[in-house]
């Protein structure tokens, strides 16, 4: 447990009034509880890992009771659509500069991303491994390397900009 220091001052009383003529200072050590660590990549990943476990557990729950079960019961396309809707809401709030709304919409995006992972049988460890692989690599260089590896699919009505 960390030690905190607190200055203790000697006070003299002068007719009911406090005075500090010498302002002598002593340092007293007090045990204080450690404040929670700020959210770091690893603790954030642990939150998402726990969320993933909850969504995995709920996928077989009653869709009338569980939002995750209801989303998953609608199929992959609906799960992906919902993720996209939440991402767009986050983008709109971000473009408007609404800090608080970006925070709450980001939480929605992360939840729906985890549901999308479950629907696609993607494990969080796979994503963490990919992020670790990219760590320290220039974003431009990494993106260029993926552009060469993208399969060409002609039956899709969308294009991905490399």
N, C-alpha and C. Protein backbone atom coordinates (compact mmCIF):
# COMPACT_ATOMS: atom_id res chain seq x y z
N UNK A 1 0.85 -1.17 0.00
CA UNK A 1 0.00 0.00 0.00
C UNK A 1 0.90 1.23 0.00
N UNK A 2 0.63 2.23 -0.82
CA UNK A 2 1.50 3.38 -0.91
C UNK A 2 1.42 4.25 0.33
N UNK A 3 2.48 4.92 0.60
CA UNK A 3 2.52 5.84 1.71
C UNK A 3 2.28 7.23 1.16
N UNK A 4 1.50 8.00 1.86
CA UNK A 4 1.24 9.36 1.47
C UNK A 4 1.78 10.26 2.56
N UNK A 5 2.27 11.39 2.19
CA UNK A 5 2.78 12.30 3.21
C UNK A 5 1.81 13.43 3.40
N UNK A 6 1.72 13.84 4.64
CA UNK A 6 0.82 14.93 4.99
C UNK A 6 1.60 15.85 5.91
N UNK A 7 1.60 17.12 5.61
CA UNK A 7 2.32 18.06 6.46
C UNK A 7 1.50 18.35 7.70
N UNK A 8 2.17 18.31 8.85
CA UNK A 8 1.53 18.59 10.12
C UNK A 8 2.20 19.83 10.67
N UNK A 9 1.44 20.85 10.98
CA UNK A 9 2.03 22.09 11.43
C UNK A 9 1.76 22.28 12.91
N UNK A 10 2.78 22.79 13.61
CA UNK A 10 2.59 23.18 15.00
C UNK A 10 1.83 24.49 15.01
N UNK A 11 0.82 24.58 15.82
CA UNK A 11 0.03 25.79 15.91
C UNK A 11 0.10 26.31 17.34
N UNK A 12 0.27 27.60 17.47
CA UNK A 12 0.23 28.22 18.79
C UNK A 12 -1.06 28.99 18.92
N UNK A 13 -1.62 28.95 20.09
CA UNK A 13 -2.86 29.68 20.31
C UNK A 13 -2.53 31.00 20.98
N UNK A 14 -3.10 32.06 20.47
CA UNK A 14 -2.87 33.39 21.00
C UNK A 14 -4.23 34.03 21.24
N UNK A 15 -4.72 33.89 22.43
CA UNK A 15 -6.00 34.49 22.78
C UNK A 15 -7.15 33.92 21.97
N UNK A 16 -7.15 32.61 21.71
CA UNK A 16 -8.22 31.98 20.96
C UNK A 16 -7.98 31.99 19.47
N UNK A 17 -6.98 32.79 19.02
CA UNK A 17 -6.67 32.82 17.60
C UNK A 17 -5.45 31.95 17.36
N UNK A 18 -5.45 31.29 16.22
CA UNK A 18 -4.29 30.47 15.88
C UNK A 18 -3.27 31.32 15.17
N UNK A 19 -2.00 31.12 15.54
CA UNK A 19 -0.92 31.80 14.83
C UNK A 19 0.14 30.78 14.50
N UNK A 20 0.91 31.06 13.50
CA UNK A 20 1.97 30.14 13.07
C UNK A 20 3.27 30.94 12.93
N UNK A 21 3.83 31.33 14.01
CA UNK A 21 5.01 32.18 13.90
C UNK A 21 6.22 31.47 13.31
N UNK A 22 6.46 30.27 13.69
CA UNK A 22 7.66 29.56 13.20
C UNK A 22 7.35 28.65 12.01
N UNK A 23 6.10 28.36 11.79
CA UNK A 23 5.63 27.48 10.72
C UNK A 23 6.52 26.24 10.60
N UNK A 24 6.77 25.61 11.73
CA UNK A 24 7.53 24.38 11.74
C UNK A 24 6.72 23.28 11.08
N UNK A 25 7.35 22.48 10.24
CA UNK A 25 6.63 21.44 9.52
C UNK A 25 7.22 20.08 9.85
N UNK A 26 6.33 19.15 10.20
CA UNK A 26 6.73 17.76 10.37
C UNK A 26 6.04 16.96 9.29
N UNK A 27 6.67 15.88 8.86
CA UNK A 27 6.04 15.02 7.85
C UNK A 27 5.57 13.76 8.53
N UNK A 28 4.28 13.49 8.37
CA UNK A 28 3.66 12.32 8.94
C UNK A 28 3.30 11.38 7.80
N UNK A 29 3.62 10.09 7.93
CA UNK A 29 3.30 9.12 6.89
C UNK A 29 1.99 8.44 7.21
N UNK A 30 1.10 8.41 6.22
CA UNK A 30 -0.22 7.82 6.38
C UNK A 30 -0.41 6.78 5.29
N UNK A 31 -0.97 5.63 5.64
CA UNK A 31 -1.30 4.62 4.64
C UNK A 31 -2.64 4.97 4.01
N UNK A 32 -2.64 5.11 2.69
CA UNK A 32 -3.88 5.38 1.95
C UNK A 32 -4.10 4.26 0.96
N UNK A 33 -5.37 3.95 0.65
CA UNK A 33 -5.60 2.93 -0.37
C UNK A 33 -5.10 3.44 -1.72
N UNK A 34 -4.58 2.52 -2.51
CA UNK A 34 -4.07 2.87 -3.84
C UNK A 34 -5.25 3.20 -4.75
N UNK A 35 -5.18 4.33 -5.45
CA UNK A 35 -6.27 4.63 -6.39
C UNK A 35 -6.23 3.63 -7.53
N UNK A 36 -7.37 3.40 -8.17
CA UNK A 36 -7.36 2.45 -9.29
C UNK A 36 -6.44 2.95 -10.39
N UNK A 37 -5.77 1.99 -11.02
CA UNK A 37 -4.86 2.34 -12.12
C UNK A 37 -5.68 2.89 -13.27
N UNK A 38 -5.10 3.83 -14.02
CA UNK A 38 -5.83 4.30 -15.20
C UNK A 38 -6.01 3.15 -16.18
N UNK A 39 -7.03 3.25 -17.00
CA UNK A 39 -7.30 2.21 -17.98
C UNK A 39 -6.12 2.10 -18.94
N UNK A 40 -5.52 0.96 -19.00
CA UNK A 40 -4.40 0.74 -19.91
C UNK A 40 -4.86 -0.23 -20.97
N UNK A 41 -4.03 -0.41 -21.97
CA UNK A 41 -4.39 -1.34 -23.05
C UNK A 41 -4.74 -2.70 -22.48
N UNK A 42 -3.91 -3.21 -21.56
CA UNK A 42 -4.17 -4.56 -21.06
C UNK A 42 -5.45 -4.61 -20.23
N UNK A 43 -5.72 -3.61 -19.38
CA UNK A 43 -6.95 -3.67 -18.60
C UNK A 43 -8.16 -3.46 -19.49
N UNK A 44 -8.04 -2.62 -20.53
CA UNK A 44 -9.12 -2.46 -21.49
C UNK A 44 -9.39 -3.75 -22.23
N UNK A 45 -8.31 -4.44 -22.59
CA UNK A 45 -8.45 -5.73 -23.25
C UNK A 45 -9.14 -6.73 -22.32
N UNK A 46 -8.84 -6.65 -21.03
CA UNK A 46 -9.48 -7.57 -20.08
C UNK A 46 -10.98 -7.30 -19.99
N UNK A 47 -11.37 -6.03 -20.04
CA UNK A 47 -12.80 -5.69 -20.04
C UNK A 47 -13.47 -6.29 -21.27
N UNK A 48 -12.83 -6.14 -22.42
CA UNK A 48 -13.40 -6.71 -23.65
C UNK A 48 -13.40 -8.23 -23.61
N UNK A 49 -12.37 -8.83 -23.01
CA UNK A 49 -12.36 -10.29 -22.85
C UNK A 49 -13.56 -10.74 -22.01
N UNK A 50 -13.82 -10.03 -20.91
CA UNK A 50 -14.96 -10.39 -20.06
C UNK A 50 -16.28 -10.19 -20.81
N UNK A 51 -16.38 -9.09 -21.55
CA UNK A 51 -17.59 -8.84 -22.34
C UNK A 51 -17.79 -9.95 -23.37
N UNK A 52 -16.71 -10.38 -24.00
CA UNK A 52 -16.77 -11.47 -24.96
C UNK A 52 -17.32 -12.74 -24.29
N UNK A 53 -16.81 -13.04 -23.09
CA UNK A 53 -17.29 -14.22 -22.37
C UNK A 53 -18.78 -14.12 -22.06
N UNK A 54 -19.24 -12.94 -21.69
CA UNK A 54 -20.66 -12.74 -21.40
C UNK A 54 -21.50 -12.95 -22.67
N UNK A 55 -21.06 -12.36 -23.78
CA UNK A 55 -21.81 -12.52 -25.03
C UNK A 55 -21.80 -13.99 -25.45
N UNK A 56 -20.68 -14.67 -25.29
CA UNK A 56 -20.62 -16.11 -25.62
C UNK A 56 -21.63 -16.89 -24.77
N UNK A 57 -21.71 -16.56 -23.49
CA UNK A 57 -22.65 -17.25 -22.60
C UNK A 57 -24.10 -16.96 -22.98
N UNK A 58 -24.37 -15.75 -23.42
CA UNK A 58 -25.73 -15.33 -23.71
C UNK A 58 -26.22 -15.75 -25.09
N UNK A 59 -25.34 -16.22 -25.94
CA UNK A 59 -25.77 -16.54 -27.31
C UNK A 59 -26.83 -17.64 -27.34
N UNK A 60 -26.89 -18.47 -26.31
CA UNK A 60 -27.91 -19.53 -26.26
C UNK A 60 -29.06 -19.16 -25.32
N UNK A 61 -29.05 -17.93 -24.81
CA UNK A 61 -30.11 -17.49 -23.90
C UNK A 61 -31.38 -17.20 -24.69
N UNK A 62 -32.44 -16.94 -23.97
CA UNK A 62 -33.71 -16.60 -24.57
C UNK A 62 -33.62 -15.20 -25.19
N UNK A 63 -33.85 -15.05 -26.50
CA UNK A 63 -33.78 -13.74 -27.14
C UNK A 63 -34.76 -12.71 -26.55
N UNK A 64 -35.79 -13.17 -25.88
CA UNK A 64 -36.74 -12.25 -25.24
C UNK A 64 -36.14 -11.63 -23.98
N UNK A 65 -35.10 -12.26 -23.46
CA UNK A 65 -34.49 -11.81 -22.21
C UNK A 65 -33.11 -11.19 -22.42
N UNK A 66 -32.39 -11.64 -23.42
CA UNK A 66 -31.02 -11.21 -23.64
C UNK A 66 -30.87 -10.44 -24.95
N UNK A 67 -30.36 -9.22 -24.86
CA UNK A 67 -30.13 -8.41 -26.06
C UNK A 67 -29.11 -9.10 -26.97
N UNK A 68 -28.05 -9.67 -26.37
CA UNK A 68 -27.03 -10.36 -27.16
C UNK A 68 -27.63 -11.54 -27.91
N UNK A 69 -28.45 -12.33 -27.22
CA UNK A 69 -29.09 -13.48 -27.86
C UNK A 69 -30.00 -13.02 -28.99
N UNK A 70 -30.74 -11.92 -28.76
CA UNK A 70 -31.64 -11.41 -29.79
C UNK A 70 -30.85 -10.98 -31.03
N UNK A 71 -29.74 -10.24 -30.82
CA UNK A 71 -28.91 -9.82 -31.96
C UNK A 71 -28.39 -11.03 -32.73
N UNK A 72 -27.83 -11.99 -32.01
CA UNK A 72 -27.23 -13.16 -32.65
C UNK A 72 -28.28 -14.03 -33.35
N UNK A 73 -29.50 -14.05 -32.81
CA UNK A 73 -30.54 -14.88 -33.44
C UNK A 73 -31.00 -14.30 -34.78
N UNK A 74 -30.72 -13.04 -35.01
CA UNK A 74 -31.12 -12.40 -36.27
C UNK A 74 -30.17 -12.71 -37.42
N UNK A 75 -29.02 -13.28 -37.10
CA UNK A 75 -28.09 -13.66 -38.15
C UNK A 75 -26.94 -12.67 -38.34
N UNK A 76 -25.94 -13.14 -39.04
CA UNK A 76 -24.71 -12.39 -39.23
C UNK A 76 -24.94 -11.04 -39.92
N UNK A 77 -25.77 -11.02 -40.94
CA UNK A 77 -26.00 -9.76 -41.67
C UNK A 77 -26.59 -8.68 -40.77
N UNK A 78 -27.54 -9.05 -39.91
CA UNK A 78 -28.15 -8.09 -39.00
C UNK A 78 -27.17 -7.65 -37.92
N UNK A 79 -26.33 -8.59 -37.46
CA UNK A 79 -25.31 -8.24 -36.47
C UNK A 79 -24.35 -7.22 -37.08
N UNK A 80 -23.92 -7.47 -38.30
CA UNK A 80 -23.01 -6.55 -38.98
C UNK A 80 -23.68 -5.21 -39.23
N UNK A 81 -24.95 -5.23 -39.63
CA UNK A 81 -25.68 -3.98 -39.86
C UNK A 81 -25.76 -3.15 -38.58
N UNK A 82 -26.06 -3.80 -37.47
CA UNK A 82 -26.17 -3.09 -36.19
C UNK A 82 -24.83 -2.50 -35.80
N UNK A 83 -23.75 -3.24 -36.01
CA UNK A 83 -22.42 -2.71 -35.72
C UNK A 83 -22.17 -1.46 -36.56
N UNK A 84 -22.51 -1.53 -37.84
CA UNK A 84 -22.33 -0.38 -38.73
C UNK A 84 -23.14 0.82 -38.29
N UNK A 85 -24.38 0.60 -37.86
CA UNK A 85 -25.21 1.70 -37.38
C UNK A 85 -24.59 2.38 -36.17
N UNK A 86 -24.10 1.56 -35.25
CA UNK A 86 -23.47 2.12 -34.05
C UNK A 86 -22.19 2.88 -34.40
N UNK A 87 -21.43 2.36 -35.34
CA UNK A 87 -20.20 3.04 -35.76
C UNK A 87 -20.53 4.38 -36.39
N UNK A 88 -21.57 4.44 -37.19
CA UNK A 88 -21.98 5.70 -37.83
C UNK A 88 -22.44 6.70 -36.77
N UNK A 89 -23.20 6.23 -35.78
CA UNK A 89 -23.61 7.14 -34.71
C UNK A 89 -22.40 7.72 -33.99
N UNK A 90 -21.39 6.90 -33.77
CA UNK A 90 -20.16 7.36 -33.12
C UNK A 90 -19.45 8.39 -34.01
N UNK A 91 -19.40 8.12 -35.30
CA UNK A 91 -18.78 9.05 -36.25
C UNK A 91 -19.50 10.40 -36.25
N UNK A 92 -20.82 10.37 -36.25
CA UNK A 92 -21.60 11.60 -36.26
C UNK A 92 -21.30 12.43 -35.00
N UNK A 93 -21.30 11.78 -33.86
CA UNK A 93 -21.02 12.50 -32.61
C UNK A 93 -19.58 13.01 -32.59
N UNK A 94 -18.66 12.22 -33.14
CA UNK A 94 -17.27 12.67 -33.20
C UNK A 94 -17.10 13.88 -34.09
N UNK A 95 -17.75 13.87 -35.24
CA UNK A 95 -17.67 15.00 -36.16
C UNK A 95 -18.28 16.26 -35.56
N UNK A 96 -19.28 16.06 -34.68
CA UNK A 96 -19.94 17.20 -34.03
C UNK A 96 -19.16 17.67 -32.80
N UNK A 97 -18.14 16.92 -32.41
CA UNK A 97 -17.33 17.31 -31.25
C UNK A 97 -18.01 17.07 -29.92
N UNK A 98 -18.95 16.13 -29.86
CA UNK A 98 -19.69 15.82 -28.63
C UNK A 98 -18.93 14.77 -27.81
N UNK A 99 -18.04 15.23 -26.96
CA UNK A 99 -17.16 14.34 -26.20
C UNK A 99 -17.92 13.25 -25.46
N UNK A 100 -18.89 13.62 -24.64
CA UNK A 100 -19.63 12.64 -23.85
C UNK A 100 -20.35 11.63 -24.71
N UNK A 101 -20.94 12.11 -25.81
CA UNK A 101 -21.64 11.20 -26.71
C UNK A 101 -20.67 10.26 -27.42
N UNK A 102 -19.47 10.75 -27.72
CA UNK A 102 -18.46 9.87 -28.34
C UNK A 102 -18.08 8.76 -27.37
N UNK A 103 -17.98 9.08 -26.10
CA UNK A 103 -17.64 8.06 -25.10
C UNK A 103 -18.74 6.99 -25.05
N UNK A 104 -19.99 7.41 -24.94
CA UNK A 104 -21.06 6.41 -24.83
C UNK A 104 -21.27 5.65 -26.14
N UNK A 105 -21.16 6.34 -27.26
CA UNK A 105 -21.30 5.65 -28.54
C UNK A 105 -20.12 4.69 -28.78
N UNK A 106 -18.95 5.06 -28.30
CA UNK A 106 -17.79 4.16 -28.43
C UNK A 106 -18.02 2.88 -27.66
N UNK A 107 -18.63 2.98 -26.48
CA UNK A 107 -18.96 1.78 -25.71
C UNK A 107 -19.95 0.91 -26.49
N UNK A 108 -20.93 1.56 -27.14
CA UNK A 108 -21.88 0.81 -27.97
C UNK A 108 -21.16 0.12 -29.12
N UNK A 109 -20.24 0.84 -29.76
CA UNK A 109 -19.48 0.26 -30.89
C UNK A 109 -18.69 -0.95 -30.42
N UNK A 110 -18.01 -0.82 -29.28
CA UNK A 110 -17.21 -1.95 -28.79
C UNK A 110 -18.09 -3.15 -28.45
N UNK A 111 -19.24 -2.91 -27.83
CA UNK A 111 -20.15 -4.01 -27.53
C UNK A 111 -20.58 -4.71 -28.83
N UNK A 112 -21.02 -3.93 -29.81
CA UNK A 112 -21.49 -4.54 -31.05
C UNK A 112 -20.35 -5.18 -31.85
N UNK A 113 -19.14 -4.67 -31.69
CA UNK A 113 -17.97 -5.32 -32.29
C UNK A 113 -17.77 -6.70 -31.67
N UNK A 114 -17.89 -6.79 -30.36
CA UNK A 114 -17.75 -8.08 -29.69
C UNK A 114 -18.84 -9.04 -30.15
N UNK A 115 -20.07 -8.56 -30.32
CA UNK A 115 -21.15 -9.42 -30.83
C UNK A 115 -20.78 -9.89 -32.24
N UNK A 116 -20.22 -9.00 -33.05
CA UNK A 116 -19.79 -9.37 -34.40
C UNK A 116 -18.68 -10.42 -34.35
N UNK A 117 -17.75 -10.27 -33.40
CA UNK A 117 -16.70 -11.30 -33.23
C UNK A 117 -17.34 -12.65 -32.93
N UNK A 118 -18.29 -12.67 -31.99
CA UNK A 118 -18.94 -13.93 -31.62
C UNK A 118 -19.64 -14.53 -32.83
N UNK A 119 -20.34 -13.70 -33.58
CA UNK A 119 -21.07 -14.19 -34.76
C UNK A 119 -20.12 -14.75 -35.82
N UNK A 120 -18.89 -14.23 -35.86
CA UNK A 120 -17.91 -14.67 -36.86
C UNK A 120 -16.86 -15.64 -36.28
N UNK A 121 -17.09 -16.08 -35.05
CA UNK A 121 -16.16 -17.01 -34.38
C UNK A 121 -14.74 -16.45 -34.29
N UNK A 122 -14.64 -15.16 -34.07
CA UNK A 122 -13.34 -14.49 -33.85
C UNK A 122 -13.13 -14.41 -32.35
N UNK A 123 -11.97 -14.88 -31.90
CA UNK A 123 -11.64 -14.81 -30.48
C UNK A 123 -10.84 -13.54 -30.21
N UNK A 124 -11.04 -12.90 -29.06
CA UNK A 124 -10.30 -11.68 -28.75
C UNK A 124 -8.78 -11.85 -28.86
N UNK A 125 -8.29 -13.03 -28.49
CA UNK A 125 -6.84 -13.26 -28.56
C UNK A 125 -6.31 -13.09 -29.99
N UNK A 126 -7.13 -13.44 -30.96
CA UNK A 126 -6.73 -13.27 -32.36
C UNK A 126 -6.54 -11.80 -32.68
N UNK A 127 -7.43 -10.97 -32.18
CA UNK A 127 -7.35 -9.53 -32.42
C UNK A 127 -6.16 -8.95 -31.66
N UNK A 128 -5.96 -9.37 -30.40
CA UNK A 128 -4.82 -8.86 -29.62
C UNK A 128 -3.51 -9.25 -30.30
N UNK A 129 -3.45 -10.46 -30.83
CA UNK A 129 -2.24 -10.93 -31.52
C UNK A 129 -1.97 -10.06 -32.76
N UNK A 130 -3.02 -9.75 -33.50
CA UNK A 130 -2.85 -8.90 -34.69
C UNK A 130 -2.42 -7.49 -34.31
N UNK A 131 -2.99 -6.95 -33.25
CA UNK A 131 -2.56 -5.63 -32.79
C UNK A 131 -1.10 -5.65 -32.34
N UNK A 132 -0.72 -6.71 -31.65
CA UNK A 132 0.68 -6.86 -31.21
C UNK A 132 1.61 -6.94 -32.42
N UNK A 133 1.18 -7.65 -33.46
CA UNK A 133 2.00 -7.77 -34.67
C UNK A 133 2.22 -6.40 -35.31
N UNK A 134 1.19 -5.58 -35.27
CA UNK A 134 1.27 -4.25 -35.88
C UNK A 134 1.99 -3.22 -35.02
N UNK A 135 2.16 -3.52 -33.75
CA UNK A 135 2.77 -2.56 -32.83
C UNK A 135 4.16 -2.17 -33.31
N UNK A 136 4.40 -0.89 -33.38
CA UNK A 136 5.71 -0.40 -33.80
C UNK A 136 5.91 -0.35 -35.30
N UNK A 137 4.90 -0.74 -36.06
CA UNK A 137 4.99 -0.71 -37.51
C UNK A 137 4.27 0.55 -37.99
N UNK A 138 4.87 1.25 -38.92
CA UNK A 138 4.25 2.44 -39.48
C UNK A 138 2.89 2.08 -40.04
N UNK A 139 1.88 2.89 -39.72
CA UNK A 139 0.53 2.65 -40.23
C UNK A 139 0.48 2.65 -41.74
N UNK A 140 1.27 3.52 -42.35
CA UNK A 140 1.30 3.59 -43.82
C UNK A 140 1.89 2.31 -44.39
N UNK A 141 2.99 1.85 -43.82
CA UNK A 141 3.63 0.62 -44.31
C UNK A 141 2.73 -0.59 -44.08
N UNK A 142 2.07 -0.65 -42.90
CA UNK A 142 1.21 -1.78 -42.60
C UNK A 142 0.01 -1.81 -43.55
N UNK A 143 -0.58 -0.66 -43.79
CA UNK A 143 -1.73 -0.58 -44.69
C UNK A 143 -1.34 -0.97 -46.11
N UNK A 144 -0.15 -0.54 -46.56
CA UNK A 144 0.32 -0.89 -47.90
C UNK A 144 0.52 -2.39 -48.02
N UNK A 145 1.01 -3.03 -46.96
CA UNK A 145 1.23 -4.48 -47.03
C UNK A 145 -0.09 -5.23 -47.12
N UNK A 146 -1.13 -4.72 -46.47
CA UNK A 146 -2.45 -5.37 -46.54
C UNK A 146 -3.09 -5.17 -47.90
N UNK A 147 -2.85 -4.04 -48.54
CA UNK A 147 -3.47 -3.76 -49.84
C UNK A 147 -3.06 -4.80 -50.87
N UNK A 148 -1.82 -5.25 -50.79
CA UNK A 148 -1.34 -6.28 -51.73
C UNK A 148 -1.98 -7.63 -51.45
N UNK A 149 -2.35 -7.85 -50.18
CA UNK A 149 -2.86 -9.16 -49.78
C UNK A 149 -4.38 -9.27 -49.87
N UNK A 150 -5.08 -8.18 -50.19
CA UNK A 150 -6.53 -8.23 -50.24
C UNK A 150 -7.01 -9.07 -51.42
N UNK A 151 -7.93 -9.98 -51.16
CA UNK A 151 -8.48 -10.75 -52.28
C UNK A 151 -9.41 -9.86 -53.10
N UNK A 152 -9.48 -10.12 -54.35
CA UNK A 152 -10.39 -9.37 -55.22
C UNK A 152 -11.69 -10.15 -55.30
N UNK A 153 -12.77 -9.51 -54.85
CA UNK A 153 -14.07 -10.14 -54.87
C UNK A 153 -14.96 -9.27 -55.73
N UNK A 154 -15.44 -9.82 -56.83
CA UNK A 154 -16.21 -9.00 -57.76
C UNK A 154 -17.70 -9.02 -57.52
N UNK A 155 -18.20 -9.97 -56.72
CA UNK A 155 -19.64 -10.03 -56.54
C UNK A 155 -20.15 -9.15 -55.41
N UNK A 156 -19.26 -8.44 -54.74
CA UNK A 156 -19.69 -7.54 -53.68
C UNK A 156 -19.99 -6.17 -54.28
N UNK A 157 -20.96 -5.49 -53.70
CA UNK A 157 -21.33 -4.17 -54.20
C UNK A 157 -20.56 -3.08 -53.50
N UNK A 158 -19.56 -3.42 -52.69
CA UNK A 158 -18.77 -2.42 -52.00
C UNK A 158 -17.32 -2.55 -52.41
N UNK A 159 -16.58 -1.49 -52.19
CA UNK A 159 -15.13 -1.53 -52.42
C UNK A 159 -14.44 -1.07 -51.17
N UNK A 160 -13.30 -1.60 -50.92
CA UNK A 160 -12.50 -1.22 -49.77
C UNK A 160 -11.32 -0.42 -50.27
N UNK A 161 -11.15 0.75 -49.73
CA UNK A 161 -10.03 1.58 -50.15
C UNK A 161 -8.80 1.15 -49.36
N UNK A 162 -7.74 0.72 -50.05
CA UNK A 162 -6.56 0.25 -49.32
C UNK A 162 -5.81 1.39 -48.67
